[in-house]
Amino acid sequence: MSNRIYRSSGQPKREGLSWQELWQSDDKGLILCWEIGREVRQRDPELARCAEDGELPVLVWKGGVEKKTKIGEKYGSFNYLAQWQGLRGEDLDIDLSKEPEIICSKTGMKVIYTSDSNKYSNF
């Protein structure tokens, strides 16, 4: 199994998959999160514009930012990162062996995205 989860934005949404296929396949549900981000992009162009501008808006997964904390950084989930990439209209492209960092353009808060839920479960 590859550590990289990739799906081109030119590919259509998958249809007719079971819960197990959506959430328990090798992609660990990241493709579904990305597809949902693409749907939100269609429904909420203003939110999509904010994401395109580098903001990390609050979504259903941990990783969005309302305001900067005193620490100045926090952890977020790969599920958030996948949804955010879809919201921005980007390809899904996540390397599970790395922990990418993004600084929110609105708040200046750094978010480190990880597959280790212990890192972000207390925030």
PDB file of N, CA and C in Angstrom:
ATOM      1  N   MET A   1       0.837  -1.190   0.000  1.00  0.00           N
ATOM      2  CA  MET A   1       0.000   0.000   0.000  1.00  0.00           C
ATOM      3  C   MET A   1       0.882   1.253   0.000  1.00  0.00           C
ATOM      4  N   SER A   2       0.509   2.202  -0.801  1.00  0.00           N
ATOM      5  CA  SER A   2       1.245   3.459  -0.885  1.00  0.00           C
ATOM      6  C   SER A   2       0.890   4.354   0.296  1.00  0.00           C
ATOM      7  N   ASN A   3       1.832   5.200   0.696  1.00  0.00           N
ATOM      8  CA  ASN A   3       1.575   6.184   1.742  1.00  0.00           C
ATOM      9  C   ASN A   3       0.878   7.410   1.193  1.00  0.00           C
ATOM     10  N   ARG A   4       0.782   7.507  -0.118  1.00  0.00           N
ATOM     11  CA  ARG A   4       0.189   8.686  -0.751  1.00  0.00           C
ATOM     12  C   ARG A   4      -1.225   8.372  -1.205  1.00  0.00           C
ATOM     13  N   ILE A   5      -2.152   9.257  -0.826  1.00  0.00           N
ATOM     14  CA  ILE A   5      -3.533   9.163  -1.279  1.00  0.00           C
ATOM     15  C   ILE A   5      -3.723  10.285  -2.291  1.00  0.00           C
ATOM     16  N   TYR A   6      -4.004   9.903  -3.527  1.00  0.00           N
ATOM     17  CA  TYR A   6      -4.142  10.886  -4.595  1.00  0.00           C
ATOM     18  C   TYR A   6      -5.387  10.586  -5.413  1.00  0.00           C
ATOM     19  N   ARG A   7      -6.080  11.657  -5.785  1.00  0.00           N
ATOM     20  CA  ARG A   7      -7.208  11.548  -6.708  1.00  0.00           C
ATOM     21  C   ARG A   7      -7.309  12.873  -7.452  1.00  0.00           C
ATOM     22  N   SER A   8      -7.396  12.797  -8.761  1.00  0.00           N
ATOM     23  CA  SER A   8      -7.447  13.986  -9.606  1.00  0.00           C
ATOM     24  C   SER A   8      -8.805  14.678  -9.500  1.00  0.00           C
ATOM     25  N   SER A   9      -8.780  16.003  -9.502  1.00  0.00           N
ATOM     26  CA  SER A   9     -10.031  16.763  -9.446  1.00  0.00           C
ATOM     27  C   SER A   9     -10.871  16.558 -10.698  1.00  0.00           C
ATOM     28  N   GLY A  10     -10.302  15.989 -11.745  1.00  0.00           N
ATOM     29  CA  GLY A  10     -11.047  15.692 -12.957  1.00  0.00           C
ATOM     30  C   GLY A  10     -11.873  14.420 -12.869  1.00  0.00           C
ATOM     31  N   GLN A  11     -11.655  13.639 -11.820  1.00  0.00           N
ATOM     32  CA  GLN A  11     -12.394  12.386 -11.674  1.00  0.00           C
ATOM     33  C   GLN A  11     -13.762  12.651 -11.062  1.00  0.00           C
ATOM     34  N   PRO A  12     -14.780  11.918 -11.527  1.00  0.00           N
ATOM     35  CA  PRO A  12     -16.128  12.116 -10.983  1.00  0.00           C
ATOM     36  C   PRO A  12     -16.256  11.527  -9.573  1.00  0.00           C
ATOM     37  N   LYS A  13     -17.293  11.950  -8.889  1.00  0.00           N
ATOM     38  CA  LYS A  13     -17.600  11.402  -7.564  1.00  0.00           C
ATOM     39  C   LYS A  13     -17.926   9.915  -7.716  1.00  0.00           C
ATOM     40  N   ARG A  14     -17.445   9.140  -6.798  1.00  0.00           N
ATOM     41  CA  ARG A  14     -17.749   7.698  -6.804  1.00  0.00           C
ATOM     42  C   ARG A  14     -19.192   7.492  -6.357  1.00  0.00           C
ATOM     43  N   GLU A  15     -19.834   6.483  -6.884  1.00  0.00           N
ATOM     44  CA  GLU A  15     -21.240   6.197  -6.553  1.00  0.00           C
ATOM     45  C   GLU A  15     -21.391   4.738  -6.143  1.00  0.00           C
ATOM     46  N   GLY A  16     -22.382   4.463  -5.310  1.00  0.00           N
ATOM     47  CA  GLY A  16     -22.780   3.099  -4.991  1.00  0.00           C
ATOM     48  C   GLY A  16     -21.838   2.299  -4.121  1.00  0.00           C
ATOM     49  N   LEU A  17     -20.980   2.961  -3.364  1.00  0.00           N
ATOM     50  CA  LEU A  17     -20.051   2.241  -2.501  1.00  0.00           C
ATOM     51  C   LEU A  17     -20.668   2.012  -1.123  1.00  0.00           C
ATOM     52  N   SER A  18     -20.295   0.924  -0.500  1.00  0.00           N
ATOM     53  CA  SER A  18     -20.784   0.615   0.851  1.00  0.00           C
ATOM     54  C   SER A  18     -20.046   1.464   1.883  1.00  0.00           C
ATOM     55  N   TRP A  19     -20.547   1.453   3.103  1.00  0.00           N
ATOM     56  CA  TRP A  19     -19.895   2.170   4.198  1.00  0.00           C
ATOM     57  C   TRP A  19     -18.470   1.669   4.376  1.00  0.00           C
ATOM     58  N   GLN A  20     -18.291   0.346   4.319  1.00  0.00           N
ATOM     59  CA  GLN A  20     -16.956  -0.228   4.478  1.00  0.00           C
ATOM     60  C   GLN A  20     -16.036   0.243   3.360  1.00  0.00           C
ATOM     61  N   GLU A  21     -16.531   0.279   2.127  1.00  0.00           N
ATOM     62  CA  GLU A  21     -15.701   0.735   1.010  1.00  0.00           C
ATOM     63  C   GLU A  21     -15.336   2.217   1.148  1.00  0.00           C
ATOM     64  N   LEU A  22     -16.264   3.016   1.671  1.00  0.00           N
ATOM     65  CA  LEU A  22     -16.016   4.450   1.819  1.00  0.00           C
ATOM     66  C   LEU A  22     -15.042   4.769   2.947  1.00  0.00           C
ATOM     67  N   TRP A  23     -15.183   4.079   4.076  1.00  0.00           N
ATOM     68  CA  TRP A  23     -14.436   4.450   5.272  1.00  0.00           C
ATOM     69  C   TRP A  23     -13.301   3.500   5.649  1.00  0.00           C
ATOM     70  N   GLN A  24     -13.342   2.244   5.193  1.00  0.00           N
ATOM     71  CA  GLN A  24     -12.350   1.278   5.660  1.00  0.00           C
ATOM     72  C   GLN A  24     -11.421   0.766   4.561  1.00  0.00           C
ATOM     73  N   SER A  25     -11.425   1.403   3.418  1.00  0.00           N
ATOM     74  CA  SER A  25     -10.496   1.041   2.345  1.00  0.00           C
ATOM     75  C   SER A  25      -9.120   1.629   2.646  1.00  0.00           C
ATOM     76  N   ASP A  26      -8.183   1.407   1.753  1.00  0.00           N
ATOM     77  CA  ASP A  26      -6.812   1.889   1.960  1.00  0.00           C
ATOM     78  C   ASP A  26      -6.730   3.398   2.151  1.00  0.00           C
ATOM     79  N   ASP A  27      -7.679   4.143   1.575  1.00  0.00           N
ATOM     80  CA  ASP A  27      -7.633   5.608   1.690  1.00  0.00           C
ATOM     81  C   ASP A  27      -8.172   6.107   3.031  1.00  0.00           C
ATOM     82  N   LYS A  28      -8.720   5.230   3.854  1.00  0.00           N
ATOM     83  CA  LYS A  28      -9.196   5.561   5.207  1.00  0.00           C
ATOM     84  C   LYS A  28     -10.271   6.662   5.212  1.00  0.00           C
ATOM     85  N   GLY A  29     -11.074   6.712   4.151  1.00  0.00           N
ATOM     86  CA  GLY A  29     -12.155   7.695   4.081  1.00  0.00           C
ATOM     87  C   GLY A  29     -11.744   9.054   3.554  1.00  0.00           C
ATOM     88  N   LEU A  30     -10.468   9.228   3.217  1.00  0.00           N
ATOM     89  CA  LEU A  30     -10.003  10.539   2.768  1.00  0.00           C
ATOM     90  C   LEU A  30     -10.608  10.938   1.425  1.00  0.00           C
ATOM     91  N   ILE A  31     -10.824   9.961   0.539  1.00  0.00           N
ATOM     92  CA  ILE A  31     -11.445  10.302  -0.747  1.00  0.00           C
ATOM     93  C   ILE A  31     -12.859  10.814  -0.517  1.00  0.00           C
ATOM     94  N   LEU A  32     -13.604  10.177   0.381  1.00  0.00           N
ATOM     95  CA  LEU A  32     -14.961  10.645   0.691  1.00  0.00           C
ATOM     96  C   LEU A  32     -14.936  12.052   1.271  1.00  0.00           C
ATOM     97  N   CYS A  33     -14.024  12.322   2.189  1.00  0.00           N
ATOM     98  CA  CYS A  33     -13.920  13.667   2.776  1.00  0.00           C
ATOM     99  C   CYS A  33     -13.633  14.699   1.691  1.00  0.00           C
ATOM    100  N   TRP A  34     -12.754  14.357   0.771  1.00  0.00           N
ATOM    101  CA  TRP A  34     -12.420  15.237  -0.345  1.00  0.00           C
ATOM    102  C   TRP A  34     -13.631  15.448  -1.250  1.00  0.00           C
ATOM    103  N   GLU A  35     -14.370  14.375  -1.530  1.00  0.00           N
ATOM    104  CA  GLU A  35     -15.575  14.498  -2.358  1.00  0.00           C
ATOM    105  C   GLU A  35     -16.610  15.399  -1.687  1.00  0.00           C
ATOM    106  N   ILE A  36     -16.745  15.293  -0.391  1.00  0.00           N
ATOM    107  CA  ILE A  36     -17.667  16.159   0.352  1.00  0.00           C
ATOM    108  C   ILE A  36     -17.197  17.610   0.255  1.00  0.00           C
ATOM    109  N   GLY A  37     -15.893  17.842   0.352  1.00  0.00           N
ATOM    110  CA  GLY A  37     -15.359  19.189   0.177  1.00  0.00           C
ATOM    111  C   GLY A  37     -15.707  19.762  -1.193  1.00  0.00           C
ATOM    112  N   ARG A  38     -15.663  18.936  -2.211  1.00  0.00           N
ATOM    113  CA  ARG A  38     -16.024  19.373  -3.558  1.00  0.00           C
ATOM    114  C   ARG A  38     -17.508  19.752  -3.619  1.00  0.00           C
ATOM    115  N   GLU A  39     -18.353  18.983  -2.921  1.00  0.00           N
ATOM    116  CA  GLU A  39     -19.783  19.298  -2.884  1.00  0.00           C
ATOM    117  C   GLU A  39     -20.030  20.617  -2.154  1.00  0.00           C
ATOM    118  N   VAL A  40     -19.340  20.824  -1.030  1.00  0.00           N
ATOM    119  CA  VAL A  40     -19.479  22.065  -0.268  1.00  0.00           C
ATOM    120  C   VAL A  40     -19.033  23.245  -1.138  1.00  0.00           C
ATOM    121  N   ARG A  41     -18.019  23.055  -1.933  1.00  0.00           N
ATOM    122  CA  ARG A  41     -17.529  24.097  -2.850  1.00  0.00           C
ATOM    123  C   ARG A  41     -18.652  24.565  -3.776  1.00  0.00           C
ATOM    124  N   GLN A  42     -19.450  23.634  -4.260  1.00  0.00           N
ATOM    125  CA  GLN A  42     -20.558  23.978  -5.155  1.00  0.00           C
ATOM    126  C   GLN A  42     -21.674  24.719  -4.414  1.00  0.00           C
ATOM    127  N   ARG A  43     -21.943  24.308  -3.174  1.00  0.00           N
ATOM    128  CA  ARG A  43     -23.031  24.902  -2.385  1.00  0.00           C
ATOM    129  C   ARG A  43     -22.664  26.236  -1.751  1.00  0.00           C
ATOM    130  N   ASP A  44     -21.380  26.432  -1.449  1.00  0.00           N
ATOM    131  CA  ASP A  44     -20.956  27.610  -0.696  1.00  0.00           C
ATOM    132  C   ASP A  44     -19.716  28.241  -1.334  1.00  0.00           C
ATOM    133  N   PRO A  45     -19.903  28.968  -2.456  1.00  0.00           N
ATOM    134  CA  PRO A  45     -18.760  29.562  -3.149  1.00  0.00           C
ATOM    135  C   PRO A  45     -17.950  30.531  -2.286  1.00  0.00           C
ATOM    136  N   GLU A  46     -18.593  31.215  -1.344  1.00  0.00           N
ATOM    137  CA  GLU A  46     -17.868  32.152  -0.476  1.00  0.00           C
ATOM    138  C   GLU A  46     -16.900  31.403   0.439  1.00  0.00           C
ATOM    139  N   LEU A  47     -17.347  30.288   1.003  1.00  0.00           N
ATOM    140  CA  LEU A  47     -16.470  29.467   1.839  1.00  0.00           C
ATOM    141  C   LEU A  47     -15.314  28.919   0.996  1.00  0.00           C
ATOM    142  N   ALA A  48     -15.624  28.514  -0.230  1.00  0.00           N
ATOM    143  CA  ALA A  48     -14.587  28.013  -1.141  1.00  0.00           C
ATOM    144  C   ALA A  48     -13.560  29.107  -1.424  1.00  0.00           C
ATOM    145  N   ARG A  49     -14.023  30.335  -1.630  1.00  0.00           N
ATOM    146  CA  ARG A  49     -13.108  31.453  -1.884  1.00  0.00           C
ATOM    147  C   ARG A  49     -12.191  31.683  -0.690  1.00  0.00           C
ATOM    148  N   CYS A  50     -12.750  31.614   0.515  1.00  0.00           N
ATOM    149  CA  CYS A  50     -11.934  31.784   1.726  1.00  0.00           C
ATOM    150  C   CYS A  50     -10.843  30.706   1.785  1.00  0.00           C
ATOM    151  N   ALA A  51     -11.219  29.465   1.488  1.00  0.00           N
ATOM    152  CA  ALA A  51     -10.239  28.372   1.495  1.00  0.00           C
ATOM    153  C   ALA A  51      -9.189  28.583   0.412  1.00  0.00           C
ATOM    154  N   GLU A  52      -9.620  29.034  -0.760  1.00  0.00           N
ATOM    155  CA  GLU A  52      -8.669  29.316  -1.844  1.00  0.00           C
ATOM    156  C   GLU A  52      -7.678  30.397  -1.442  1.00  0.00           C
ATOM    157  N   ASP A  53      -8.114  31.322  -0.596  1.00  0.00           N
ATOM    158  CA  ASP A  53      -7.257  32.408  -0.124  1.00  0.00           C
ATOM    159  C   ASP A  53      -6.344  31.982   1.035  1.00  0.00           C
ATOM    160  N   GLY A  54      -6.377  30.699   1.401  1.00  0.00           N
ATOM    161  CA  GLY A  54      -5.488  30.196   2.441  1.00  0.00           C
ATOM    162  C   GLY A  54      -6.075  30.159   3.835  1.00  0.00           C
ATOM    163  N   GLU A  55      -7.364  30.494   3.964  1.00  0.00           N
ATOM    164  CA  GLU A  55      -7.997  30.384   5.274  1.00  0.00           C
ATOM    165  C   GLU A  55      -8.275  28.918   5.588  1.00  0.00           C
ATOM    166  N   LEU A  56      -8.304  28.611   6.870  1.00  0.00           N
ATOM    167  CA  LEU A  56      -8.637  27.270   7.340  1.00  0.00           C
ATOM    168  C   LEU A  56      -9.953  27.363   8.111  1.00  0.00           C
ATOM    169  N   PRO A  57     -11.085  27.416   7.380  1.00  0.00           N
ATOM    170  CA  PRO A  57     -12.368  27.584   8.052  1.00  0.00           C
ATOM    171  C   PRO A  57     -12.738  26.353   8.875  1.00  0.00           C
ATOM    172  N   VAL A  58     -13.560  26.561   9.873  1.00  0.00           N
ATOM    173  CA  VAL A  58     -14.036  25.447  10.684  1.00  0.00           C
ATOM    174  C   VAL A  58     -14.958  24.586   9.820  1.00  0.00           C
ATOM    175  N   LEU A  59     -14.639  23.292   9.763  1.00  0.00           N
ATOM    176  CA  LEU A  59     -15.446  22.305   9.053  1.00  0.00           C
ATOM    177  C   LEU A  59     -15.811  21.212  10.058  1.00  0.00           C
ATOM    178  N   VAL A  60     -16.310  20.084   9.600  1.00  0.00           N
ATOM    179  CA  VAL A  60     -16.733  19.038  10.531  1.00  0.00           C
ATOM    180  C   VAL A  60     -15.566  18.293  11.184  1.00  0.00           C
ATOM    181  N   TRP A  61     -14.397  18.317  10.575  1.00  0.00           N
ATOM    182  CA  TRP A  61     -13.231  17.629  11.120  1.00  0.00           C
ATOM    183  C   TRP A  61     -12.314  18.617  11.840  1.00  0.00           C
ATOM    184  N   LYS A  62     -11.513  18.117  12.760  1.00  0.00           N
ATOM    185  CA  LYS A  62     -10.557  18.975  13.467  1.00  0.00           C
ATOM    186  C   LYS A  62      -9.464  19.426  12.514  1.00  0.00           C
ATOM    187  N   GLY A  63      -9.197  20.732  12.550  1.00  0.00           N
ATOM    188  CA  GLY A  63      -8.152  21.272  11.695  1.00  0.00           C
ATOM    189  C   GLY A  63      -8.441  22.683  11.221  1.00  0.00           C
ATOM    190  N   GLY A  64      -9.658  23.156  11.445  1.00  0.00           N
ATOM    191  CA  GLY A  64      -9.992  24.529  11.105  1.00  0.00           C
ATOM    192  C   GLY A  64      -9.631  25.459  12.257  1.00  0.00           C
ATOM    193  N   VAL A  65      -9.641  26.764  11.965  1.00  0.00           N
ATOM    194  CA  VAL A  65      -9.198  27.744  12.964  1.00  0.00           C
ATOM    195  C   VAL A  65     -10.226  28.872  13.075  1.00  0.00           C
ATOM    196  N   GLU A  66     -10.699  29.116  14.290  1.00  0.00           N
ATOM    197  CA  GLU A  66     -11.558  30.280  14.540  1.00  0.00           C
ATOM    198  C   GLU A  66     -10.728  31.487  14.937  1.00  0.00           C
ATOM    199  N   LYS A  67      -9.743  31.245  15.816  1.00  0.00           N
ATOM    200  CA  LYS A  67      -8.873  32.325  16.279  1.00  0.00           C
ATOM    201  C   LYS A  67      -7.533  31.724  16.678  1.00  0.00           C
ATOM    202  N   LYS A  68      -6.541  32.566  16.725  1.00  0.00           N
ATOM    203  CA  LYS A  68      -5.203  32.122  17.095  1.00  0.00           C
ATOM    204  C   LYS A  68      -5.128  31.925  18.601  1.00  0.00           C
ATOM    205  N   THR A  69      -4.520  30.819  19.014  1.00  0.00           N
ATOM    206  CA  THR A  69      -4.341  30.558  20.437  1.00  0.00           C
ATOM    207  C   THR A  69      -2.993  31.099  20.902  1.00  0.00           C
ATOM    208  N   LYS A  70      -2.771  31.103  22.192  1.00  0.00           N
ATOM    209  CA  LYS A  70      -1.497  31.569  22.742  1.00  0.00           C
ATOM    210  C   LYS A  70      -0.337  30.697  22.265  1.00  0.00           C
ATOM    211  N   ILE A  71      -0.588  29.419  22.109  1.00  0.00           N
ATOM    212  CA  ILE A  71       0.462  28.501  21.648  1.00  0.00           C
ATOM    213  C   ILE A  71       0.828  28.802  20.197  1.00  0.00           C
ATOM    214  N   GLY A  72      -0.159  29.203  19.396  1.00  0.00           N
ATOM    215  CA  GLY A  72       0.102  29.574  18.009  1.00  0.00           C
ATOM    216  C   GLY A  72       0.106  28.435  17.018  1.00  0.00           C
ATOM    217  N   GLU A  73      -0.135  27.220  17.511  1.00  0.00           N
ATOM    218  CA  GLU A  73      -0.215  26.071  16.617  1.00  0.00           C
ATOM    219  C   GLU A  73      -1.101  24.999  17.233  1.00  0.00           C
ATOM    220  N   LYS A  74      -1.599  24.122  16.356  1.00  0.00           N
ATOM    221  CA  LYS A  74      -2.395  22.999  16.815  1.00  0.00           C
ATOM    222  C   LYS A  74      -2.335  21.898  15.771  1.00  0.00           C
ATOM    223  N   TYR A  75      -2.872  20.748  16.125  1.00  0.00           N
ATOM    224  CA  TYR A  75      -2.920  19.618  15.200  1.00  0.00           C
ATOM    225  C   TYR A  75      -4.317  19.499  14.620  1.00  0.00           C
ATOM    226  N   GLY A  76      -4.365  18.973  13.413  1.00  0.00           N
ATOM    227  CA  GLY A  76      -5.628  18.700  12.744  1.00  0.00           C
ATOM    228  C   GLY A  76      -5.560  17.350  12.062  1.00  0.00           C
ATOM    229  N   SER A  77      -6.705  16.865  11.630  1.00  0.00           N
ATOM    230  CA  SER A  77      -6.785  15.536  11.028  1.00  0.00           C
ATOM    231  C   SER A  77      -6.579  15.583   9.515  1.00  0.00           C
ATOM    232  N   PHE A  78      -6.126  14.477   8.973  1.00  0.00           N
ATOM    233  CA  PHE A  78      -6.024  14.353   7.526  1.00  0.00           C
ATOM    234  C   PHE A  78      -7.410  14.442   6.880  1.00  0.00           C
ATOM    235  N   ASN A  79      -8.461  14.051   7.624  1.00  0.00           N
ATOM    236  CA  ASN A  79      -9.820  14.171   7.091  1.00  0.00           C
ATOM    237  C   ASN A  79     -10.134  15.637   6.778  1.00  0.00           C
ATOM    238  N   TYR A  80      -9.736  16.533   7.684  1.00  0.00           N
ATOM    239  CA  TYR A  80      -9.921  17.969   7.435  1.00  0.00           C
ATOM    240  C   TYR A  80      -9.137  18.390   6.205  1.00  0.00           C
ATOM    241  N   LEU A  81      -7.878  18.004   6.142  1.00  0.00           N
ATOM    242  CA  LEU A  81      -7.023  18.399   5.027  1.00  0.00           C
ATOM    243  C   LEU A  81      -7.623  17.930   3.697  1.00  0.00           C
ATOM    244  N   ALA A  82      -8.148  16.714   3.668  1.00  0.00           N
ATOM    245  CA  ALA A  82      -8.771  16.187   2.450  1.00  0.00           C
ATOM    246  C   ALA A  82      -9.992  17.020   2.072  1.00  0.00           C
ATOM    247  N   GLN A  83     -10.846  17.325   3.044  1.00  0.00           N
ATOM    248  CA  GLN A  83     -12.040  18.121   2.762  1.00  0.00           C
ATOM    249  C   GLN A  83     -11.647  19.523   2.298  1.00  0.00           C
ATOM    250  N   TRP A  84     -10.636  20.101   2.914  1.00  0.00           N
ATOM    251  CA  TRP A  84     -10.163  21.438   2.555  1.00  0.00           C
ATOM    252  C   TRP A  84      -9.625  21.459   1.130  1.00  0.00           C
ATOM    253  N   GLN A  85      -8.873  20.421   0.750  1.00  0.00           N
ATOM    254  CA  GLN A  85      -8.369  20.348  -0.623  1.00  0.00           C
ATOM    255  C   GLN A  85      -9.531  20.293  -1.618  1.00  0.00           C
ATOM    256  N   GLY A  86     -10.574  19.530  -1.299  1.00  0.00           N
ATOM    257  CA  GLY A  86     -11.756  19.482  -2.161  1.00  0.00           C
ATOM    258  C   GLY A  86     -12.468  20.818  -2.215  1.00  0.00           C
ATOM    259  N   LEU A  87     -12.573  21.482  -1.080  1.00  0.00           N
ATOM    260  CA  LEU A  87     -13.209  22.796  -1.003  1.00  0.00           C
ATOM    261  C   LEU A  87     -12.459  23.813  -1.861  1.00  0.00           C
ATOM    262  N   ARG A  88     -11.160  23.690  -1.941  1.00  0.00           N
ATOM    263  CA  ARG A  88     -10.338  24.589  -2.755  1.00  0.00           C
ATOM    264  C   ARG A  88     -10.367  24.230  -4.241  1.00  0.00           C
ATOM    265  N   GLY A  89     -10.939  23.073  -4.590  1.00  0.00           N
ATOM    266  CA  GLY A  89     -10.974  22.632  -5.983  1.00  0.00           C
ATOM    267  C   GLY A  89      -9.686  21.961  -6.423  1.00  0.00           C
ATOM    268  N   GLU A  90      -8.878  21.530  -5.464  1.00  0.00           N
ATOM    269  CA  GLU A  90      -7.593  20.905  -5.750  1.00  0.00           C
ATOM    270  C   GLU A  90      -7.737  19.393  -5.890  1.00  0.00           C
ATOM    271  N   ASP A  91      -6.708  18.769  -6.439  1.00  0.00           N
ATOM    272  CA  ASP A  91      -6.600  17.319  -6.400  1.00  0.00           C
ATOM    273  C   ASP A  91      -6.447  16.909  -4.929  1.00  0.00           C
ATOM    274  N   LEU A  92      -6.911  15.712  -4.606  1.00  0.00           N
ATOM    275  CA  LEU A  92      -6.610  15.138  -3.296  1.00  0.00           C
ATOM    276  C   LEU A  92      -5.175  14.631  -3.370  1.00  0.00           C
ATOM    277  N   ASP A  93      -4.341  15.091  -2.465  1.00  0.00           N
ATOM    278  CA  ASP A  93      -2.939  14.692  -2.488  1.00  0.00           C
ATOM    279  C   ASP A  93      -2.393  14.759  -1.064  1.00  0.00           C
ATOM    280  N   ILE A  94      -2.395  13.611  -0.395  1.00  0.00           N
ATOM    281  CA  ILE A  94      -1.933  13.536   0.993  1.00  0.00           C
ATOM    282  C   ILE A  94      -0.954  12.384   1.128  1.00  0.00           C
ATOM    283  N   ASP A  95       0.207  12.677   1.672  1.00  0.00           N
ATOM    284  CA  ASP A  95       1.217  11.666   1.975  1.00  0.00           C
ATOM    285  C   ASP A  95       1.051  11.318   3.451  1.00  0.00           C
ATOM    286  N   LEU A  96       0.586  10.103   3.719  1.00  0.00           N
ATOM    287  CA  LEU A  96       0.298   9.684   5.094  1.00  0.00           C
ATOM    288  C   LEU A  96       1.542   9.556   5.965  1.00  0.00           C
ATOM    289  N   SER A  97       2.719   9.557   5.357  1.00  0.00           N
ATOM    290  CA  SER A  97       3.959   9.427   6.130  1.00  0.00           C
ATOM    291  C   SER A  97       4.496  10.776   6.590  1.00  0.00           C
ATOM    292  N   LYS A  98       3.835  11.861   6.175  1.00  0.00           N
ATOM    293  CA  LYS A  98       4.286  13.202   6.545  1.00  0.00           C
ATOM    294  C   LYS A  98       3.218  13.924   7.356  1.00  0.00           C
ATOM    295  N   GLU A  99       3.615  15.008   7.991  1.00  0.00           N
ATOM    296  CA  GLU A  99       2.695  15.859   8.743  1.00  0.00           C
ATOM    297  C   GLU A  99       2.807  17.283   8.191  1.00  0.00           C
ATOM    298  N   PRO A 100       2.059  17.567   7.124  1.00  0.00           N
ATOM    299  CA  PRO A 100       2.160  18.900   6.526  1.00  0.00           C
ATOM    300  C   PRO A 100       1.646  19.988   7.455  1.00  0.00           C
ATOM    301  N   GLU A 101       2.242  21.166   7.315  1.00  0.00           N
ATOM    302  CA  GLU A 101       1.848  22.324   8.122  1.00  0.00           C
ATOM    303  C   GLU A 101       1.278  23.396   7.201  1.00  0.00           C
ATOM    304  N   ILE A 102       0.192  24.008   7.639  1.00  0.00           N
ATOM    305  CA  ILE A 102      -0.401  25.122   6.907  1.00  0.00           C
ATOM    306  C   ILE A 102      -0.649  26.246   7.901  1.00  0.00           C
ATOM    307  N   ILE A 103      -0.321  27.454   7.511  1.00  0.00           N
ATOM    308  CA  ILE A 103      -0.602  28.621   8.343  1.00  0.00           C
ATOM    309  C   ILE A 103      -1.833  29.302   7.772  1.00  0.00           C
ATOM    310  N   CYS A 104      -2.848  29.461   8.606  1.00  0.00           N
ATOM    311  CA  CYS A 104      -4.099  30.093   8.196  1.00  0.00           C
ATOM    312  C   CYS A 104      -3.842  31.551   7.828  1.00  0.00           C
ATOM    313  N   SER A 105      -4.260  31.930   6.635  1.00  0.00           N
ATOM    314  CA  SER A 105      -4.023  33.301   6.172  1.00  0.00           C
ATOM    315  C   SER A 105      -4.847  34.326   6.944  1.00  0.00           C
ATOM    316  N   LYS A 106      -5.918  33.897   7.569  1.00  0.00           N
ATOM    317  CA  LYS A 106      -6.779  34.826   8.307  1.00  0.00           C
ATOM    318  C   LYS A 106      -6.296  35.048   9.736  1.00  0.00           C
ATOM    319  N   THR A 107      -5.872  33.967  10.397  1.00  0.00           N
ATOM    320  CA  THR A 107      -5.536  34.055  11.818  1.00  0.00           C
ATOM    321  C   THR A 107      -4.041  33.984  12.107  1.00  0.00           C
ATOM    322  N   GLY A 108      -3.259  33.483  11.159  1.00  0.00           N
ATOM    323  CA  GLY A 108      -1.836  33.286  11.392  1.00  0.00           C
ATOM    324  C   GLY A 108      -1.526  32.047  12.211  1.00  0.00           C
ATOM    325  N   MET A 109      -2.531  31.252  12.514  1.00  0.00           N
ATOM    326  CA  MET A 109      -2.373  30.033  13.309  1.00  0.00           C
ATOM    327  C   MET A 109      -1.802  28.914  12.436  1.00  0.00           C
ATOM    328  N   LYS A 110      -0.800  28.208  12.956  1.00  0.00           N
ATOM    329  CA  LYS A 110      -0.224  27.065  12.247  1.00  0.00           C
ATOM    330  C   LYS A 110      -0.974  25.801  12.646  1.00  0.00           C
ATOM    331  N   VAL A 111      -1.358  25.012  11.631  1.00  0.00           N
ATOM    332  CA  VAL A 111      -2.001  23.727  11.883  1.00  0.00           C
ATOM    333  C   VAL A 111      -1.143  22.642  11.248  1.00  0.00           C
ATOM    334  N   ILE A 112      -0.872  21.615  12.039  1.00  0.00           N
ATOM    335  CA  ILE A 112      -0.078  20.469  11.599  1.00  0.00           C
ATOM    336  C   ILE A 112      -1.047  19.308  11.420  1.00  0.00           C
ATOM    337  N   TYR A 113      -1.112  18.787  10.207  1.00  0.00           N
ATOM    338  CA  TYR A 113      -2.067  17.721   9.900  1.00  0.00           C
ATOM    339  C   TYR A 113      -1.401  16.358  10.050  1.00  0.00           C
ATOM    340  N   THR A 114      -2.129  15.445  10.703  1.00  0.00           N
ATOM    341  CA  THR A 114      -1.559  14.157  11.080  1.00  0.00           C
ATOM    342  C   THR A 114      -2.622  13.057  11.050  1.00  0.00           C
ATOM    343  N   SER A 115      -2.145  11.824  10.981  1.00  0.00           N
ATOM    344  CA  SER A 115      -3.053  10.676  11.113  1.00  0.00           C
ATOM    345  C   SER A 115      -3.118  10.198  12.562  1.00  0.00           C
ATOM    346  N   ASP A 116      -2.312  10.773  13.433  1.00  0.00           N
ATOM    347  CA  ASP A 116      -2.262  10.390  14.849  1.00  0.00           C
ATOM    348  C   ASP A 116      -3.330  11.154  15.628  1.00  0.00           C
ATOM    349  N   SER A 117      -4.452  10.507  15.852  1.00  0.00           N
ATOM    350  CA  SER A 117      -5.578  11.185  16.514  1.00  0.00           C
ATOM    351  C   SER A 117      -5.252  11.574  17.955  1.00  0.00           C
ATOM    352  N   ASN A 118      -4.258  10.961  18.561  1.00  0.00           N
ATOM    353  CA  ASN A 118      -3.864  11.360  19.916  1.00  0.00           C
ATOM    354  C   ASN A 118      -3.340  12.788  19.962  1.00  0.00           C
ATOM    355  N   LYS A 119      -2.795  13.258  18.857  1.00  0.00           N
ATOM    356  CA  LYS A 119      -2.228  14.601  18.809  1.00  0.00           C
ATOM    357  C   LYS A 119      -3.297  15.688  18.768  1.00  0.00           C
ATOM    358  N   TYR A 120      -4.459  15.401  18.181  1.00  0.00           N
ATOM    359  CA  TYR A 120      -5.472  16.433  18.065  1.00  0.00           C
ATOM    360  C   TYR A 120      -6.745  16.155  18.864  1.00  0.00           C
ATOM    361  N   SER A 121      -6.817  15.047  19.550  1.00  0.00           N
ATOM    362  CA  SER A 121      -8.055  14.688  20.259  1.00  0.00           C
ATOM    363  C   SER A 121      -8.316  15.561  21.477  1.00  0.00           C
ATOM    364  N   ASN A 122      -7.307  16.196  22.049  1.00  0.00           N
ATOM    365  CA  ASN A 122      -7.490  17.005  23.248  1.00  0.00           C
ATOM    366  C   ASN A 122      -7.758  18.470  22.946  1.00  0.00           C
ATOM    367  N   PHE A 123      -7.828  18.857  21.674  1.00  0.00           N
ATOM    368  CA  PHE A 123      -8.018  20.262  21.322  1.00  0.00           C
ATOM    369  C   PHE A 123      -9.447  20.517  20.980  1.00  0.00           C
TER     370      PHE A 123
END
